[in-house]
Amino acid sequence: MNVGLLAGLGRSWWVLVVYGVIAVLFGVAAFAWPGTTAVAIAWAFGVMALAEGVTSVIALFRKDVAISKGWLALYAIASLVFGVLAVLNPVTTAGVLLLFLAAWLLVAGIYRIVFAIRVRKEIEGEWLIALSGVLAIVLGGLFVAYPGAGLLTVALWIGAGALIYGVLQIIAGFRLRKLAHTM
């Protein structure tokens, strides 16, 4: 084991703890204010899209671009339009993104059911694949029928993920700290 690498990691334990604390705080905020969280996520996507759009516009004036200028221009325009819409109206953007998620769930559910039927003679437990497809279709349908509740649900799942991620980062940070003290 590389002692120098471990020593360096051990000295940086606090970075993981800070990341973890930030993630835990975000997760708690997502549970406390799920509607605001969904809107904030849509707004953040808008800001990222604006940054991508501006970067792509700048790249249009460079000679060493790896993609055709036409595709780059299309990407720049799409990024800027989406970014402006998301920043100016994040609530609507969050709703539209949820509808895209619902559409994907519906298509994914149908795909899983068809896949399960096609492989039923080849594998055991194909009914689990079909069941996951049915659940995806039900969830997609619920998102379409109740988009407000869907947004809150997605925000709560993101919050749960952030909490788990944060706790794991904090644990890893303190384990690295302990490792640094034993060396």
N, C-alpha and C. Protein backbone atom coordinates (compact mmCIF):
# COMPACT_ATOMS: atom_id res chain seq x y z
N MET A 1 0.85 -1.18 0.00
CA MET A 1 0.00 0.00 0.00
C MET A 1 0.89 1.24 0.00
N ASN A 2 0.53 2.26 -0.77
CA ASN A 2 1.31 3.48 -0.92
C ASN A 2 1.11 4.37 0.31
N VAL A 3 2.13 4.44 1.16
CA VAL A 3 2.05 5.19 2.40
C VAL A 3 1.91 6.69 2.13
N GLY A 4 2.61 7.20 1.10
CA GLY A 4 2.52 8.62 0.77
C GLY A 4 1.12 9.02 0.35
N LEU A 5 0.48 8.16 -0.43
CA LEU A 5 -0.90 8.43 -0.87
C LEU A 5 -1.84 8.43 0.33
N LEU A 6 -1.68 7.43 1.19
CA LEU A 6 -2.54 7.35 2.37
C LEU A 6 -2.33 8.54 3.30
N ALA A 7 -1.09 8.98 3.44
CA ALA A 7 -0.82 10.14 4.30
C ALA A 7 -1.48 11.38 3.73
N GLY A 8 -1.39 11.56 2.42
CA GLY A 8 -2.03 12.70 1.77
C GLY A 8 -3.54 12.68 1.93
N LEU A 9 -4.11 11.49 1.75
CA LEU A 9 -5.55 11.35 1.94
C LEU A 9 -5.94 11.62 3.39
N GLY A 10 -5.12 11.12 4.30
CA GLY A 10 -5.39 11.32 5.71
C GLY A 10 -5.39 12.79 6.11
N ARG A 11 -4.52 13.57 5.49
CA ARG A 11 -4.47 15.01 5.79
C ARG A 11 -5.69 15.74 5.22
N SER A 12 -6.37 15.16 4.23
CA SER A 12 -7.51 15.81 3.57
C SER A 12 -8.85 15.28 4.06
N TRP A 13 -8.85 14.62 5.19
CA TRP A 13 -10.08 14.02 5.70
C TRP A 13 -11.20 15.03 5.86
N TRP A 14 -10.85 16.24 6.25
CA TRP A 14 -11.84 17.26 6.54
C TRP A 14 -12.61 17.68 5.29
N VAL A 15 -12.02 17.53 4.09
CA VAL A 15 -12.71 17.89 2.86
C VAL A 15 -13.94 16.99 2.68
N LEU A 16 -13.76 15.70 2.91
CA LEU A 16 -14.88 14.78 2.81
C LEU A 16 -15.95 15.11 3.84
N VAL A 17 -15.55 15.47 5.03
CA VAL A 17 -16.51 15.80 6.07
C VAL A 17 -17.29 17.06 5.68
N VAL A 18 -16.61 18.06 5.13
CA VAL A 18 -17.30 19.28 4.69
C VAL A 18 -18.30 18.95 3.58
N TYR A 19 -17.87 18.16 2.57
CA TYR A 19 -18.79 17.73 1.51
C TYR A 19 -19.99 17.01 2.11
N GLY A 20 -19.72 16.14 3.07
CA GLY A 20 -20.80 15.39 3.70
C GLY A 20 -21.77 16.27 4.44
N VAL A 21 -21.26 17.23 5.19
CA VAL A 21 -22.13 18.13 5.94
C VAL A 21 -22.99 18.96 4.97
N ILE A 22 -22.39 19.44 3.88
CA ILE A 22 -23.15 20.20 2.89
C ILE A 22 -24.25 19.33 2.29
N ALA A 23 -23.92 18.09 1.95
CA ALA A 23 -24.92 17.18 1.38
C ALA A 23 -26.03 16.89 2.37
N VAL A 24 -25.69 16.67 3.64
CA VAL A 24 -26.70 16.42 4.66
C VAL A 24 -27.61 17.64 4.82
N LEU A 25 -27.03 18.82 4.84
CA LEU A 25 -27.84 20.04 4.95
C LEU A 25 -28.77 20.19 3.75
N PHE A 26 -28.26 19.88 2.54
CA PHE A 26 -29.10 19.93 1.35
C PHE A 26 -30.23 18.91 1.47
N GLY A 27 -29.92 17.71 1.93
CA GLY A 27 -30.94 16.67 2.09
C GLY A 27 -32.02 17.08 3.08
N VAL A 28 -31.61 17.67 4.20
CA VAL A 28 -32.57 18.14 5.20
C VAL A 28 -33.44 19.25 4.59
N ALA A 29 -32.82 20.16 3.85
CA ALA A 29 -33.57 21.23 3.20
C ALA A 29 -34.56 20.67 2.18
N ALA A 30 -34.14 19.63 1.45
CA ALA A 30 -35.04 19.01 0.47
C ALA A 30 -36.26 18.41 1.15
N PHE A 31 -36.09 17.84 2.34
CA PHE A 31 -37.22 17.30 3.07
C PHE A 31 -38.07 18.41 3.69
N ALA A 32 -37.44 19.48 4.13
CA ALA A 32 -38.18 20.58 4.75
C ALA A 32 -38.95 21.39 3.71
N TRP A 33 -38.36 21.59 2.54
CA TRP A 33 -38.96 22.42 1.50
C TRP A 33 -38.87 21.73 0.13
N PRO A 34 -39.59 20.63 -0.07
CA PRO A 34 -39.44 19.89 -1.33
C PRO A 34 -39.85 20.69 -2.57
N GLY A 35 -40.86 21.53 -2.45
CA GLY A 35 -41.27 22.34 -3.60
C GLY A 35 -40.18 23.31 -4.01
N THR A 36 -39.61 23.96 -3.04
CA THR A 36 -38.52 24.90 -3.30
C THR A 36 -37.31 24.17 -3.87
N THR A 37 -37.06 22.97 -3.37
CA THR A 37 -35.94 22.17 -3.87
C THR A 37 -36.12 21.84 -5.35
N ALA A 38 -37.32 21.42 -5.73
CA ALA A 38 -37.57 21.08 -7.14
C ALA A 38 -37.36 22.29 -8.03
N VAL A 39 -37.84 23.45 -7.59
CA VAL A 39 -37.67 24.68 -8.37
C VAL A 39 -36.20 25.07 -8.42
N ALA A 40 -35.50 24.93 -7.31
CA ALA A 40 -34.07 25.27 -7.28
C ALA A 40 -33.26 24.37 -8.21
N ILE A 41 -33.62 23.10 -8.27
CA ILE A 41 -32.91 22.18 -9.16
C ILE A 41 -33.14 22.58 -10.61
N ALA A 42 -34.38 22.92 -10.96
CA ALA A 42 -34.67 23.36 -12.33
C ALA A 42 -33.90 24.64 -12.65
N TRP A 43 -33.83 25.56 -11.70
CA TRP A 43 -33.09 26.80 -11.89
C TRP A 43 -31.60 26.51 -12.08
N ALA A 44 -31.08 25.59 -11.28
CA ALA A 44 -29.65 25.23 -11.40
C ALA A 44 -29.36 24.61 -12.77
N PHE A 45 -30.28 23.77 -13.27
CA PHE A 45 -30.12 23.24 -14.62
C PHE A 45 -30.08 24.38 -15.64
N GLY A 46 -30.91 25.39 -15.42
CA GLY A 46 -30.91 26.55 -16.31
C GLY A 46 -29.59 27.29 -16.30
N VAL A 47 -29.04 27.49 -15.12
CA VAL A 47 -27.75 28.17 -15.02
C VAL A 47 -26.66 27.35 -15.71
N MET A 48 -26.68 26.03 -15.51
CA MET A 48 -25.69 25.17 -16.18
C MET A 48 -25.86 25.23 -17.69
N ALA A 49 -27.11 25.24 -18.17
CA ALA A 49 -27.36 25.31 -19.61
C ALA A 49 -26.88 26.64 -20.17
N LEU A 50 -27.09 27.73 -19.44
CA LEU A 50 -26.59 29.03 -19.89
C LEU A 50 -25.06 29.01 -20.00
N ALA A 51 -24.41 28.45 -19.01
CA ALA A 51 -22.95 28.36 -19.05
C ALA A 51 -22.49 27.53 -20.25
N GLU A 52 -23.16 26.41 -20.51
CA GLU A 52 -22.83 25.59 -21.68
C GLU A 52 -23.06 26.37 -22.96
N GLY A 53 -24.15 27.12 -23.02
CA GLY A 53 -24.47 27.90 -24.22
C GLY A 53 -23.43 28.97 -24.49
N VAL A 54 -23.06 29.71 -23.46
CA VAL A 54 -22.04 30.75 -23.62
C VAL A 54 -20.71 30.14 -24.03
N THR A 55 -20.34 29.05 -23.39
CA THR A 55 -19.09 28.37 -23.74
C THR A 55 -19.12 27.89 -25.19
N SER A 56 -20.25 27.40 -25.64
CA SER A 56 -20.37 26.93 -27.02
C SER A 56 -20.32 28.08 -28.01
N VAL A 57 -20.91 29.21 -27.66
CA VAL A 57 -20.83 30.39 -28.54
C VAL A 57 -19.38 30.83 -28.68
N ILE A 58 -18.65 30.84 -27.58
CA ILE A 58 -17.23 31.21 -27.63
C ILE A 58 -16.46 30.21 -28.49
N ALA A 59 -16.79 28.93 -28.36
CA ALA A 59 -16.11 27.90 -29.14
C ALA A 59 -16.37 28.05 -30.64
N LEU A 60 -17.50 28.65 -31.00
CA LEU A 60 -17.81 28.85 -32.42
C LEU A 60 -16.74 29.69 -33.12
N PHE A 61 -16.05 30.54 -32.37
CA PHE A 61 -15.04 31.43 -32.95
C PHE A 61 -13.64 30.83 -32.92
N ARG A 62 -13.52 29.61 -32.46
CA ARG A 62 -12.22 28.93 -32.44
C ARG A 62 -12.06 28.09 -33.69
N LYS A 63 -10.83 27.85 -34.08
CA LYS A 63 -10.57 27.06 -35.28
C LYS A 63 -10.41 25.58 -34.97
N ASP A 64 -10.03 25.24 -33.76
CA ASP A 64 -9.72 23.85 -33.41
C ASP A 64 -10.88 23.15 -32.68
N VAL A 65 -12.09 23.29 -33.21
CA VAL A 65 -13.26 22.67 -32.60
C VAL A 65 -13.43 21.26 -33.16
N ALA A 66 -13.74 20.31 -32.28
CA ALA A 66 -13.80 18.90 -32.67
C ALA A 66 -15.11 18.52 -33.35
N ILE A 67 -16.09 19.39 -33.36
CA ILE A 67 -17.40 19.09 -33.94
C ILE A 67 -17.73 20.16 -34.97
N SER A 68 -18.63 19.84 -35.89
CA SER A 68 -18.95 20.82 -36.94
C SER A 68 -19.57 22.07 -36.32
N LYS A 69 -19.34 23.19 -36.96
CA LYS A 69 -19.84 24.48 -36.44
C LYS A 69 -21.38 24.50 -36.43
N GLY A 70 -22.00 23.79 -37.37
CA GLY A 70 -23.46 23.73 -37.40
C GLY A 70 -24.03 23.08 -36.16
N TRP A 71 -23.48 21.91 -35.80
CA TRP A 71 -23.94 21.22 -34.59
C TRP A 71 -23.63 22.05 -33.34
N LEU A 72 -22.48 22.68 -33.33
CA LEU A 72 -22.09 23.50 -32.18
C LEU A 72 -23.04 24.69 -32.04
N ALA A 73 -23.39 25.31 -33.15
CA ALA A 73 -24.32 26.45 -33.11
C ALA A 73 -25.70 25.99 -32.63
N LEU A 74 -26.16 24.84 -33.13
CA LEU A 74 -27.45 24.31 -32.69
C LEU A 74 -27.44 24.04 -31.19
N TYR A 75 -26.35 23.44 -30.71
CA TYR A 75 -26.23 23.15 -29.28
C TYR A 75 -26.20 24.45 -28.48
N ALA A 76 -25.47 25.44 -28.96
CA ALA A 76 -25.38 26.72 -28.26
C ALA A 76 -26.75 27.37 -28.15
N ILE A 77 -27.49 27.38 -29.24
CA ILE A 77 -28.82 28.00 -29.24
C ILE A 77 -29.77 27.24 -28.31
N ALA A 78 -29.77 25.90 -28.42
CA ALA A 78 -30.65 25.10 -27.55
C ALA A 78 -30.30 25.32 -26.08
N SER A 79 -29.02 25.36 -25.77
CA SER A 79 -28.60 25.56 -24.38
C SER A 79 -29.02 26.93 -23.87
N LEU A 80 -28.82 27.95 -24.69
CA LEU A 80 -29.18 29.30 -24.27
C LEU A 80 -30.70 29.45 -24.10
N VAL A 81 -31.46 28.90 -25.04
CA VAL A 81 -32.92 29.01 -24.94
C VAL A 81 -33.42 28.28 -23.70
N PHE A 82 -32.98 27.02 -23.51
CA PHE A 82 -33.40 26.28 -22.33
C PHE A 82 -32.95 27.00 -21.06
N GLY A 83 -31.71 27.48 -21.06
CA GLY A 83 -31.18 28.17 -19.88
C GLY A 83 -31.99 29.39 -19.50
N VAL A 84 -32.31 30.21 -20.48
CA VAL A 84 -33.10 31.42 -20.22
C VAL A 84 -34.48 31.05 -19.69
N LEU A 85 -35.13 30.08 -20.35
CA LEU A 85 -36.46 29.65 -19.90
C LEU A 85 -36.41 29.10 -18.48
N ALA A 86 -35.41 28.29 -18.18
CA ALA A 86 -35.32 27.68 -16.84
C ALA A 86 -35.02 28.71 -15.77
N VAL A 87 -34.19 29.69 -16.09
CA VAL A 87 -33.85 30.71 -15.09
C VAL A 87 -35.03 31.66 -14.87
N LEU A 88 -35.73 32.02 -15.96
CA LEU A 88 -36.84 32.96 -15.84
C LEU A 88 -38.10 32.30 -15.29
N ASN A 89 -38.29 31.02 -15.56
CA ASN A 89 -39.49 30.34 -15.09
C ASN A 89 -39.16 28.91 -14.64
N PRO A 90 -38.49 28.79 -13.52
CA PRO A 90 -38.07 27.45 -13.07
C PRO A 90 -39.23 26.53 -12.69
N VAL A 91 -40.36 27.08 -12.28
CA VAL A 91 -41.49 26.23 -11.90
C VAL A 91 -42.00 25.47 -13.12
N THR A 92 -42.20 26.19 -14.22
CA THR A 92 -42.66 25.55 -15.45
C THR A 92 -41.62 24.56 -15.95
N THR A 93 -40.36 24.94 -15.88
CA THR A 93 -39.28 24.05 -16.33
C THR A 93 -39.28 22.76 -15.51
N ALA A 94 -39.46 22.87 -14.21
CA ALA A 94 -39.51 21.68 -13.36
C ALA A 94 -40.67 20.78 -13.78
N GLY A 95 -41.80 21.38 -14.09
CA GLY A 95 -42.95 20.60 -14.53
C GLY A 95 -42.70 19.90 -15.86
N VAL A 96 -42.07 20.60 -16.78
CA VAL A 96 -41.76 20.00 -18.09
C VAL A 96 -40.74 18.87 -17.92
N LEU A 97 -39.72 19.09 -17.09
CA LEU A 97 -38.74 18.04 -16.85
C LEU A 97 -39.40 16.81 -16.23
N LEU A 98 -40.36 17.03 -15.35
CA LEU A 98 -41.08 15.91 -14.76
C LEU A 98 -41.88 15.16 -15.82
N LEU A 99 -42.46 15.88 -16.77
CA LEU A 99 -43.21 15.21 -17.84
C LEU A 99 -42.28 14.40 -18.73
N PHE A 100 -41.07 14.91 -18.97
CA PHE A 100 -40.08 14.11 -19.72
C PHE A 100 -39.72 12.84 -18.94
N LEU A 101 -39.57 12.98 -17.63
CA LEU A 101 -39.29 11.82 -16.79
C LEU A 101 -40.45 10.83 -16.86
N ALA A 102 -41.68 11.34 -16.82
CA ALA A 102 -42.86 10.47 -16.91
C ALA A 102 -42.89 9.74 -18.24
N ALA A 103 -42.59 10.45 -19.33
CA ALA A 103 -42.58 9.81 -20.65
C ALA A 103 -41.52 8.72 -20.70
N TRP A 104 -40.36 9.00 -20.15
CA TRP A 104 -39.29 8.00 -20.13
C TRP A 104 -39.72 6.78 -19.32
N LEU A 105 -40.35 7.00 -18.18
CA LEU A 105 -40.80 5.89 -17.35
C LEU A 105 -41.82 5.03 -18.09
N LEU A 106 -42.72 5.65 -18.81
CA LEU A 106 -43.72 4.90 -19.57
C LEU A 106 -43.05 4.04 -20.65
N VAL A 107 -42.14 4.64 -21.40
CA VAL A 107 -41.43 3.89 -22.45
C VAL A 107 -40.58 2.79 -21.82
N ALA A 108 -39.87 3.12 -20.74
CA ALA A 108 -39.02 2.13 -20.07
C ALA A 108 -39.86 0.97 -19.53
N GLY A 109 -41.02 1.27 -19.00
CA GLY A 109 -41.89 0.23 -18.48
C GLY A 109 -42.36 -0.73 -19.56
N ILE A 110 -42.78 -0.16 -20.68
CA ILE A 110 -43.21 -1.00 -21.81
C ILE A 110 -42.04 -1.85 -22.29
N TYR A 111 -40.87 -1.23 -22.42
CA TYR A 111 -39.67 -1.97 -22.86
C TYR A 111 -39.39 -3.15 -21.93
N ARG A 112 -39.44 -2.92 -20.63
CA ARG A 112 -39.13 -3.99 -19.68
C ARG A 112 -40.12 -5.15 -19.77
N ILE A 113 -41.39 -4.83 -19.96
CA ILE A 113 -42.40 -5.88 -20.09
C ILE A 113 -42.15 -6.69 -21.36
N VAL A 114 -41.91 -6.00 -22.47
CA VAL A 114 -41.64 -6.70 -23.73
C VAL A 114 -40.37 -7.55 -23.59
N PHE A 115 -39.35 -6.99 -22.97
CA PHE A 115 -38.10 -7.72 -22.76
C PHE A 115 -38.34 -8.98 -21.92
N ALA A 116 -39.11 -8.84 -20.85
CA ALA A 116 -39.39 -9.98 -19.98
C ALA A 116 -40.13 -11.08 -20.74
N ILE A 117 -41.05 -10.70 -21.59
CA ILE A 117 -41.79 -11.69 -22.38
C ILE A 117 -40.85 -12.41 -23.35
N ARG A 118 -39.95 -11.65 -23.96
CA ARG A 118 -39.04 -12.24 -24.95
C ARG A 118 -38.01 -13.18 -24.33
N VAL A 119 -37.61 -12.94 -23.09
CA VAL A 119 -36.56 -13.78 -22.48
C VAL A 119 -37.13 -14.78 -21.47
N ARG A 120 -38.44 -14.91 -21.42
CA ARG A 120 -39.06 -15.76 -20.39
C ARG A 120 -38.62 -17.21 -20.47
N LYS A 121 -38.26 -17.70 -21.64
CA LYS A 121 -37.83 -19.10 -21.78
C LYS A 121 -36.33 -19.26 -21.52
N GLU A 122 -35.61 -18.14 -21.49
CA GLU A 122 -34.16 -18.18 -21.35
C GLU A 122 -33.68 -17.96 -19.92
N ILE A 123 -34.44 -17.22 -19.14
CA ILE A 123 -34.00 -16.91 -17.78
C ILE A 123 -35.10 -17.23 -16.78
N GLU A 124 -34.69 -17.32 -15.54
CA GLU A 124 -35.63 -17.54 -14.46
C GLU A 124 -35.86 -16.21 -13.75
N GLY A 125 -37.06 -15.98 -13.29
CA GLY A 125 -37.35 -14.74 -12.57
C GLY A 125 -37.67 -13.58 -13.48
N GLU A 126 -38.06 -13.87 -14.71
CA GLU A 126 -38.36 -12.79 -15.67
C GLU A 126 -39.55 -11.96 -15.20
N TRP A 127 -40.36 -12.54 -14.36
CA TRP A 127 -41.51 -11.81 -13.85
C TRP A 127 -41.10 -10.58 -13.05
N LEU A 128 -39.90 -10.62 -12.45
CA LEU A 128 -39.40 -9.44 -11.73
C LEU A 128 -39.12 -8.28 -12.69
N ILE A 129 -38.60 -8.63 -13.87
CA ILE A 129 -38.35 -7.59 -14.89
C ILE A 129 -39.69 -7.01 -15.33
N ALA A 130 -40.67 -7.88 -15.58
CA ALA A 130 -42.00 -7.41 -15.98
C ALA A 130 -42.63 -6.55 -14.88
N LEU A 131 -42.47 -6.98 -13.64
CA LEU A 131 -43.01 -6.21 -12.52
C LEU A 131 -42.36 -4.83 -12.45
N SER A 132 -41.05 -4.76 -12.67
CA SER A 132 -40.39 -3.44 -12.66
C SER A 132 -40.95 -2.57 -13.78
N GLY A 133 -41.31 -3.19 -14.90
CA GLY A 133 -41.92 -2.45 -15.99
C GLY A 133 -43.29 -1.91 -15.62
N VAL A 134 -44.08 -2.74 -14.97
CA VAL A 134 -45.41 -2.30 -14.53
C VAL A 134 -45.28 -1.15 -13.54
N LEU A 135 -44.35 -1.28 -12.59
CA LEU A 135 -44.14 -0.21 -11.61
C LEU A 135 -43.69 1.09 -12.27
N ALA A 136 -42.82 0.98 -13.28
CA ALA A 136 -42.38 2.17 -14.01
C ALA A 136 -43.56 2.84 -14.72
N ILE A 137 -44.42 2.04 -15.31
CA ILE A 137 -45.60 2.59 -15.99
C ILE A 137 -46.54 3.26 -14.99
N VAL A 138 -46.75 2.63 -13.86
CA VAL A 138 -47.62 3.22 -12.83
C VAL A 138 -47.03 4.55 -12.35
N LEU A 139 -45.73 4.57 -12.07
CA LEU A 139 -45.09 5.80 -11.60
C LEU A 139 -45.18 6.88 -12.67
N GLY A 140 -44.89 6.54 -13.92
CA GLY A 140 -45.00 7.51 -15.00
C GLY A 140 -46.42 8.05 -15.12
N GLY A 141 -47.41 7.16 -15.01
CA GLY A 141 -48.80 7.60 -15.06
C GLY A 141 -49.17 8.52 -13.90
N LEU A 142 -48.67 8.19 -12.72
CA LEU A 142 -48.91 9.06 -11.56
C LEU A 142 -48.28 10.44 -11.74
N PHE A 143 -47.07 10.48 -12.31
CA PHE A 143 -46.42 11.76 -12.57
C PHE A 143 -47.23 12.61 -13.54
N VAL A 144 -47.84 11.96 -14.55
CA VAL A 144 -48.66 12.69 -15.51
C VAL A 144 -49.96 13.17 -14.84
N ALA A 145 -50.58 12.29 -14.07
CA ALA A 145 -51.85 12.62 -13.43
C ALA A 145 -51.70 13.65 -12.30
N TYR A 146 -50.59 13.56 -11.57
CA TYR A 146 -50.38 14.45 -10.41
C TYR A 146 -48.98 15.05 -10.47
N PRO A 147 -48.75 16.00 -11.39
CA PRO A 147 -47.39 16.53 -11.55
C PRO A 147 -46.85 17.25 -10.31
N GLY A 148 -47.71 17.91 -9.57
CA GLY A 148 -47.24 18.59 -8.35
C GLY A 148 -46.71 17.60 -7.34
N ALA A 149 -47.46 16.53 -7.13
CA ALA A 149 -47.00 15.50 -6.20
C ALA A 149 -45.75 14.81 -6.74
N GLY A 150 -45.68 14.67 -8.07
CA GLY A 150 -44.49 14.07 -8.68
C GLY A 150 -43.25 14.89 -8.43
N LEU A 151 -43.38 16.22 -8.56
CA LEU A 151 -42.23 17.09 -8.29
C LEU A 151 -41.77 16.96 -6.85
N LEU A 152 -42.73 16.92 -5.95
CA LEU A 152 -42.36 16.78 -4.54
C LEU A 152 -41.70 15.44 -4.28
N THR A 153 -42.21 14.39 -4.92
CA THR A 153 -41.64 13.06 -4.75
C THR A 153 -40.18 13.02 -5.23
N VAL A 154 -39.95 13.58 -6.42
CA VAL A 154 -38.59 13.61 -6.96
C VAL A 154 -37.67 14.40 -6.03
N ALA A 155 -38.15 15.54 -5.54
CA ALA A 155 -37.34 16.34 -4.62
C ALA A 155 -37.02 15.56 -3.35
N LEU A 156 -37.99 14.81 -2.84
CA LEU A 156 -37.75 14.02 -1.63
C LEU A 156 -36.75 12.90 -1.89
N TRP A 157 -36.82 12.26 -3.06
CA TRP A 157 -35.85 11.21 -3.39
C TRP A 157 -34.45 11.81 -3.53
N ILE A 158 -34.37 12.98 -4.13
CA ILE A 158 -33.07 13.65 -4.24
C ILE A 158 -32.55 13.99 -2.84
N GLY A 159 -33.44 14.45 -1.98
CA GLY A 159 -33.06 14.73 -0.60
C GLY A 159 -32.56 13.50 0.12
N ALA A 160 -33.26 12.37 -0.08
CA ALA A 160 -32.84 11.11 0.56
C ALA A 160 -31.46 10.70 0.04
N GLY A 161 -31.26 10.84 -1.26
CA GLY A 161 -29.95 10.51 -1.84
C GLY A 161 -28.86 11.40 -1.28
N ALA A 162 -29.16 12.69 -1.13
CA ALA A 162 -28.17 13.62 -0.58
C ALA A 162 -27.85 13.28 0.87
N LEU A 163 -28.85 12.90 1.64
CA LEU A 163 -28.60 12.52 3.03
C LEU A 163 -27.70 11.29 3.12
N ILE A 164 -28.01 10.28 2.34
CA ILE A 164 -27.19 9.06 2.35
C ILE A 164 -25.77 9.38 1.90
N TYR A 165 -25.65 10.12 0.81
CA TYR A 165 -24.33 10.51 0.30
C TYR A 165 -23.56 11.29 1.37
N GLY A 166 -24.23 12.24 2.00
CA GLY A 166 -23.57 13.06 3.01
C GLY A 166 -23.07 12.26 4.19
N VAL A 167 -23.91 11.36 4.68
CA VAL A 167 -23.51 10.51 5.82
C VAL A 167 -22.32 9.65 5.43
N LEU A 168 -22.35 9.07 4.24
CA LEU A 168 -21.23 8.24 3.79
C LEU A 168 -19.94 9.06 3.66
N GLN A 169 -20.04 10.29 3.18
CA GLN A 169 -18.86 11.15 3.08
C GLN A 169 -18.29 11.47 4.46
N ILE A 170 -19.17 11.75 5.40
CA ILE A 170 -18.71 12.06 6.76
C ILE A 170 -18.02 10.85 7.37
N ILE A 171 -18.61 9.68 7.22
CA ILE A 171 -18.00 8.45 7.74
C ILE A 171 -16.64 8.23 7.09
N ALA A 172 -16.57 8.38 5.77
CA ALA A 172 -15.30 8.19 5.06
C ALA A 172 -14.26 9.19 5.53
N GLY A 173 -14.68 10.44 5.74
CA GLY A 173 -13.75 11.46 6.21
C GLY A 173 -13.16 11.14 7.56
N PHE A 174 -14.00 10.71 8.48
CA PHE A 174 -13.49 10.38 9.82
C PHE A 174 -12.65 9.10 9.80
N ARG A 175 -12.95 8.18 8.91
CA ARG A 175 -12.10 6.99 8.78
C ARG A 175 -10.73 7.38 8.24
N LEU A 176 -10.71 8.30 7.28
CA LEU A 176 -9.41 8.78 6.77
C LEU A 176 -8.63 9.49 7.88
N ARG A 177 -9.32 10.25 8.70
CA ARG A 177 -8.66 10.95 9.80
C ARG A 177 -8.04 9.95 10.76
N LYS A 178 -8.80 8.91 11.08
CA LYS A 178 -8.31 7.86 11.97
C LYS A 178 -7.10 7.16 11.34
N LEU A 179 -7.16 6.91 10.03
CA LEU A 179 -6.07 6.28 9.32
C LEU A 179 -4.80 7.15 9.37
N ALA A 180 -4.97 8.44 9.23
CA ALA A 180 -3.83 9.36 9.27
C ALA A 180 -3.16 9.36 10.65
N HIS A 181 -3.95 9.22 11.69
CA HIS A 181 -3.40 9.21 13.04
C HIS A 181 -2.71 7.90 13.40
N THR A 182 -3.02 6.82 12.69
CA THR A 182 -2.37 5.53 12.96
C THR A 182 -1.07 5.36 12.20
N MET A 183 -0.78 6.28 11.29
CA MET A 183 0.44 6.15 10.48
C MET A 183 1.60 6.85 11.12
